[in-house]
Amino acid sequence: MTKIVPEDKARQGHWGWHALRILVAGLLLAFIAWAAVEIYGELIKSPTTQQSVPEAPPAAQKSVQGG
């Protein structure tokens, strides 16, 4: 036997302020985590990546010029 359910009782619920707050809070936490990772990535970046190619040591220069 099939049970007949009225339309207004068959719905699971409506989106309310509580769900909106949870979604906004999750989005804000994701942005905060992203910013933290970006800052951490900049802090651990090695300083040698920003410098030009270093010169050869003096001993290597002598062997090339004197040889």
N, C-alpha and C. Protein backbone atom coordinates (compact mmCIF):
# COMPACT_ATOMS: atom_id res chain seq x y z
N MET A 1 0.84 -1.18 0.00
CA MET A 1 0.00 0.00 0.00
C MET A 1 0.88 1.25 0.00
N THR A 2 0.68 2.14 -0.93
CA THR A 2 1.46 3.35 -1.09
C THR A 2 0.96 4.41 -0.13
N LYS A 3 1.93 5.04 0.54
CA LYS A 3 1.57 6.10 1.48
C LYS A 3 1.62 7.44 0.74
N ILE A 4 0.57 8.22 0.85
CA ILE A 4 0.48 9.51 0.19
C ILE A 4 0.95 10.58 1.18
N VAL A 5 1.97 11.34 0.74
CA VAL A 5 2.56 12.37 1.59
C VAL A 5 2.30 13.73 0.94
N PRO A 6 1.79 14.70 1.68
CA PRO A 6 1.57 16.03 1.11
C PRO A 6 2.91 16.68 0.73
N GLU A 7 2.88 17.60 -0.24
CA GLU A 7 4.10 18.22 -0.74
C GLU A 7 4.87 18.96 0.34
N ASP A 8 4.18 19.69 1.20
CA ASP A 8 4.87 20.47 2.21
C ASP A 8 5.52 19.60 3.28
N LYS A 9 5.07 18.39 3.45
CA LYS A 9 5.66 17.47 4.42
C LYS A 9 6.78 16.63 3.80
N ALA A 10 6.85 16.53 2.51
CA ALA A 10 7.83 15.69 1.84
C ALA A 10 9.20 16.36 1.74
N ARG A 11 9.27 17.64 1.89
CA ARG A 11 10.53 18.35 1.77
C ARG A 11 11.42 18.06 2.97
N GLN A 12 12.73 18.09 2.72
CA GLN A 12 13.67 17.80 3.79
C GLN A 12 13.97 19.03 4.64
N GLY A 13 13.70 20.16 4.14
CA GLY A 13 13.97 21.38 4.89
C GLY A 13 14.36 22.48 3.95
N HIS A 14 14.53 23.65 4.47
CA HIS A 14 14.91 24.78 3.64
C HIS A 14 16.26 25.30 4.12
N TRP A 15 16.93 25.99 3.22
CA TRP A 15 18.21 26.58 3.58
C TRP A 15 17.92 27.77 4.49
N GLY A 16 18.59 27.79 5.59
CA GLY A 16 18.37 28.89 6.53
C GLY A 16 19.66 29.62 6.83
N TRP A 17 19.60 30.50 7.80
CA TRP A 17 20.77 31.29 8.17
C TRP A 17 21.87 30.41 8.74
N HIS A 18 21.50 29.34 9.41
CA HIS A 18 22.50 28.45 10.02
C HIS A 18 23.38 27.83 8.94
N ALA A 19 22.80 27.33 7.89
CA ALA A 19 23.58 26.73 6.81
C ALA A 19 24.43 27.78 6.10
N LEU A 20 23.90 28.97 5.91
CA LEU A 20 24.66 30.03 5.28
C LEU A 20 25.87 30.42 6.12
N ARG A 21 25.69 30.51 7.42
CA ARG A 21 26.81 30.83 8.31
C ARG A 21 27.89 29.76 8.25
N ILE A 22 27.50 28.51 8.20
CA ILE A 22 28.48 27.42 8.12
C ILE A 22 29.25 27.50 6.81
N LEU A 23 28.57 27.75 5.71
CA LEU A 23 29.25 27.86 4.42
C LEU A 23 30.20 29.05 4.37
N VAL A 24 29.79 30.18 4.89
CA VAL A 24 30.65 31.37 4.91
C VAL A 24 31.85 31.14 5.83
N ALA A 25 31.65 30.53 6.97
CA ALA A 25 32.75 30.24 7.89
C ALA A 25 33.75 29.29 7.25
N GLY A 26 33.28 28.29 6.54
CA GLY A 26 34.18 27.38 5.85
C GLY A 26 34.98 28.08 4.77
N LEU A 27 34.36 28.99 4.05
CA LEU A 27 35.06 29.75 3.03
C LEU A 27 36.12 30.65 3.64
N LEU A 28 35.79 31.30 4.74
CA LEU A 28 36.77 32.15 5.43
C LEU A 28 37.94 31.33 5.95
N LEU A 29 37.68 30.18 6.51
CA LEU A 29 38.76 29.32 7.00
C LEU A 29 39.65 28.85 5.85
N ALA A 30 39.06 28.58 4.70
CA ALA A 30 39.86 28.18 3.54
C ALA A 30 40.76 29.33 3.09
N PHE A 31 40.27 30.55 3.08
CA PHE A 31 41.09 31.71 2.72
C PHE A 31 42.22 31.93 3.73
N ILE A 32 41.93 31.76 5.01
CA ILE A 32 42.95 31.92 6.05
C ILE A 32 44.04 30.86 5.88
N ALA A 33 43.65 29.63 5.62
CA ALA A 33 44.63 28.56 5.42
C ALA A 33 45.47 28.84 4.18
N TRP A 34 44.85 29.31 3.13
CA TRP A 34 45.57 29.62 1.89
C TRP A 34 46.61 30.73 2.14
N ALA A 35 46.20 31.77 2.86
CA ALA A 35 47.11 32.86 3.17
C ALA A 35 48.28 32.37 4.03
N ALA A 36 48.00 31.51 4.99
CA ALA A 36 49.06 30.98 5.84
C ALA A 36 50.07 30.17 5.03
N VAL A 37 49.59 29.38 4.10
CA VAL A 37 50.49 28.59 3.26
C VAL A 37 51.30 29.48 2.35
N GLU A 38 50.69 30.53 1.81
CA GLU A 38 51.42 31.47 0.96
C GLU A 38 52.54 32.16 1.75
N ILE A 39 52.24 32.61 2.95
CA ILE A 39 53.24 33.28 3.78
C ILE A 39 54.35 32.31 4.15
N TYR A 40 53.99 31.09 4.53
CA TYR A 40 54.99 30.10 4.88
C TYR A 40 55.88 29.77 3.68
N GLY A 41 55.30 29.69 2.51
CA GLY A 41 56.07 29.41 1.30
C GLY A 41 57.07 30.51 1.00
N GLU A 42 56.70 31.76 1.25
CA GLU A 42 57.62 32.87 1.05
C GLU A 42 58.73 32.86 2.09
N LEU A 43 58.43 32.45 3.31
CA LEU A 43 59.43 32.43 4.37
C LEU A 43 60.48 31.35 4.15
N ILE A 44 60.08 30.20 3.62
CA ILE A 44 61.04 29.11 3.47
C ILE A 44 61.76 29.15 2.14
N LYS A 45 61.43 30.11 1.29
CA LYS A 45 62.09 30.21 0.00
C LYS A 45 63.57 30.50 0.26
N SER A 46 64.44 29.74 -0.38
CA SER A 46 65.88 29.91 -0.14
C SER A 46 66.36 31.22 -0.75
N PRO A 47 67.28 31.91 -0.08
CA PRO A 47 67.74 33.20 -0.59
C PRO A 47 68.59 33.06 -1.86
N THR A 48 69.11 31.88 -2.16
CA THR A 48 69.94 31.71 -3.36
C THR A 48 69.12 31.81 -4.64
N THR A 49 67.82 31.64 -4.56
CA THR A 49 67.00 31.72 -5.77
C THR A 49 66.84 33.16 -6.24
N GLN A 50 67.12 34.12 -5.37
CA GLN A 50 66.96 35.52 -5.73
C GLN A 50 68.28 36.16 -6.16
N GLN A 51 69.42 35.46 -6.00
CA GLN A 51 70.71 36.03 -6.34
C GLN A 51 71.14 35.59 -7.73
N SER A 52 72.12 36.32 -8.28
CA SER A 52 72.65 35.95 -9.59
C SER A 52 73.61 34.78 -9.43
N VAL A 53 74.13 34.28 -10.54
CA VAL A 53 75.04 33.13 -10.53
C VAL A 53 76.34 33.55 -9.84
N PRO A 54 76.79 32.80 -8.83
CA PRO A 54 78.02 33.17 -8.13
C PRO A 54 79.25 32.92 -9.00
N GLU A 55 80.30 33.69 -8.73
CA GLU A 55 81.54 33.52 -9.47
C GLU A 55 82.26 32.26 -9.01
N ALA A 56 83.17 31.77 -9.87
CA ALA A 56 83.96 30.59 -9.51
C ALA A 56 84.96 30.96 -8.43
N PRO A 57 85.35 30.00 -7.58
CA PRO A 57 86.34 30.30 -6.54
C PRO A 57 87.69 30.69 -7.15
N PRO A 58 88.52 31.44 -6.44
CA PRO A 58 89.80 31.90 -6.99
C PRO A 58 90.71 30.77 -7.47
N ALA A 59 90.70 29.63 -6.81
CA ALA A 59 91.56 28.50 -7.21
C ALA A 59 91.16 28.00 -8.60
N ALA A 60 89.90 27.96 -8.88
CA ALA A 60 89.44 27.50 -10.19
C ALA A 60 89.80 28.51 -11.27
N GLN A 61 89.78 29.78 -10.96
CA GLN A 61 90.13 30.79 -11.94
C GLN A 61 91.62 30.71 -12.30
N LYS A 62 92.48 30.42 -11.32
CA LYS A 62 93.91 30.31 -11.59
C LYS A 62 94.21 29.16 -12.52
N SER A 63 93.55 28.00 -12.27
CA SER A 63 93.83 26.83 -13.10
C SER A 63 93.36 27.05 -14.56
N VAL A 64 92.31 27.79 -14.73
CA VAL A 64 91.82 28.05 -16.08
C VAL A 64 92.76 29.03 -16.80
N GLN A 65 93.22 30.07 -16.09
CA GLN A 65 94.05 31.09 -16.71
C GLN A 65 95.51 30.60 -16.87
N GLY A 66 96.02 29.86 -15.92
CA GLY A 66 97.40 29.45 -15.97
C GLY A 66 97.63 28.18 -16.74
N GLY A 67 96.65 27.42 -17.08
CA GLY A 67 96.80 26.11 -17.70
C GLY A 67 96.93 26.12 -19.13
